[in-house]
């Protein structure tokens, strides 16, 4: 297997793994490079995930967990993958914090 074929296979597997774990808003977008054999090989790509957050707390937590799982699913994470996972985790913590504050307000 040539290095181009291997990179193409790894790139597609990486992006397809992301797409399989959370809702997406567009098809997977690949960047291609022309190999020495005249064929196009995927050398990069991205998945646009649905990052809208439901107002319902339980639904929001489920969706944020899916986003975090989707972003961190591949074994080799890109900078964008890590950022999405971090953002999803921070949003989950924010929702939990707001929920706790609301609970304290009801106790008063």
Protein backbone atom coordinates (compact mmCIF):
# COMPACT_ATOMS: atom_id res chain seq x y z
CA UNK A 1 0.00 0.00 0.00
CA UNK A 2 1.42 3.37 -0.98
CA UNK A 3 1.74 6.22 1.51
CA UNK A 4 -1.04 8.00 -0.40
CA UNK A 5 -3.39 5.02 -0.11
CA UNK A 6 -2.60 4.68 3.58
CA UNK A 7 -3.19 8.39 4.27
CA UNK A 8 -6.43 8.28 2.27
CA UNK A 9 -7.67 5.30 4.29
CA UNK A 10 -6.66 6.85 7.63
CA UNK A 11 -8.20 10.22 6.76
CA UNK A 12 -11.52 8.73 5.70
CA UNK A 13 -11.68 6.42 8.74
CA UNK A 14 -10.92 9.37 11.06
CA UNK A 15 -13.65 11.61 9.64
CA UNK A 16 -16.20 8.80 9.34
CA UNK A 17 -15.67 7.96 13.00
CA UNK A 18 -16.48 11.55 13.95
CA UNK A 19 -19.60 11.52 11.78
CA UNK A 20 -20.83 8.23 13.26
CA UNK A 21 -20.89 9.57 16.83
CA UNK A 22 -22.97 12.76 16.55
CA UNK A 23 -25.45 14.56 14.32
CA UNK A 24 -23.83 16.36 11.39
CA UNK A 25 -25.09 19.32 9.39
CA UNK A 26 -23.29 18.56 6.12
CA UNK A 27 -21.60 15.60 4.45
CA UNK A 28 -17.96 14.96 5.29
CA UNK A 29 -15.69 17.36 3.42
CA UNK A 30 -12.34 15.99 2.25
CA UNK A 31 -9.30 17.73 0.83
CA UNK A 32 -7.53 15.77 -1.87
CA UNK A 33 -4.06 15.57 -3.33
CA UNK A 34 -3.14 14.14 -6.68
CA UNK A 35 -0.89 11.12 -6.24
CA UNK A 36 1.97 10.13 -8.54
CA UNK A 37 -0.36 7.58 -10.14
CA UNK A 38 -2.80 10.31 -11.22
CA UNK A 39 -5.46 9.35 -8.63
CA UNK A 40 -6.89 11.67 -5.98
CA UNK A 41 -6.23 10.77 -2.35
CA UNK A 42 -7.87 12.26 0.74
CA UNK A 43 -5.23 14.04 2.82
CA UNK A 44 -7.49 15.92 5.23
CA UNK A 45 -11.08 16.57 6.02
CA UNK A 46 -13.67 17.84 8.41
CA UNK A 47 -17.14 17.11 9.67
CA UNK A 48 -19.57 19.88 10.58
CA UNK A 49 -21.35 18.68 13.68
CA UNK A 50 -24.65 20.08 14.88
CA UNK A 51 -23.49 22.13 17.85
CA UNK A 52 -26.85 23.69 18.70
CA UNK A 53 -27.69 23.16 22.36
CA UNK A 54 -31.24 22.18 23.31
CA UNK A 55 -32.89 24.26 26.03
CA UNK A 56 -33.92 21.18 27.97
CA UNK A 57 -31.09 20.40 30.41
CA UNK A 58 -31.23 16.62 30.03
CA UNK A 59 -31.27 16.82 26.22
CA UNK A 60 -28.45 19.36 26.29
CA UNK A 61 -26.29 17.09 28.45
CA UNK A 62 -26.92 14.11 26.15
CA UNK A 63 -26.06 16.13 23.05
CA UNK A 64 -22.94 17.65 24.61
CA UNK A 65 -21.76 14.18 25.63
CA UNK A 66 -22.30 13.00 22.04
CA UNK A 67 -20.28 15.94 20.73
CA UNK A 68 -17.50 15.26 23.21
CA UNK A 69 -17.49 11.56 22.28
CA UNK A 70 -17.53 12.32 18.55
CA UNK A 71 -14.69 14.81 18.80
CA UNK A 72 -12.49 12.51 20.85
CA UNK A 73 -13.37 9.21 19.11
CA UNK A 74 -10.31 8.86 16.84
CA UNK A 75 -7.08 7.82 18.50
CA UNK A 76 -5.18 10.69 16.88
CA UNK A 77 -6.89 13.98 17.70
CA UNK A 78 -6.40 17.16 15.74
CA UNK A 79 -6.34 20.56 17.40
CA UNK A 80 -9.93 21.12 16.24
CA UNK A 81 -10.98 17.75 17.70
CA UNK A 82 -9.51 18.66 21.09
CA UNK A 83 -11.14 22.12 21.02
CA UNK A 84 -14.60 20.69 20.31
CA UNK A 85 -14.24 18.13 23.10
CA UNK A 86 -13.09 20.83 25.55
CA UNK A 87 -15.91 23.18 24.56
CA UNK A 88 -18.54 20.46 24.95
CA UNK A 89 -17.16 19.60 28.38
CA UNK A 90 -17.12 23.26 29.46
CA UNK A 91 -20.72 23.69 28.29
CA UNK A 92 -21.75 20.63 30.31
CA UNK A 93 -20.09 22.11 33.39
CA UNK A 94 -21.81 25.46 32.76
CA UNK A 95 -25.22 23.77 32.52
CA UNK A 96 -24.56 21.85 35.75
CA UNK A 97 -23.46 25.05 37.49
CA UNK A 98 -26.56 26.93 36.34
CA UNK A 99 -28.75 24.05 37.42
CA UNK A 100 -27.18 24.06 40.89
CA UNK A 101 -27.62 27.83 41.18
CA UNK A 102 -31.27 27.55 40.23
CA UNK A 103 -31.71 24.79 42.80
CA UNK A 104 -30.19 27.03 45.48
CA UNK A 105 -32.54 29.85 44.49
CA UNK A 106 -35.55 27.59 44.96
CA UNK A 107 -34.33 26.59 48.41
CA UNK A 108 -34.25 30.21 49.59
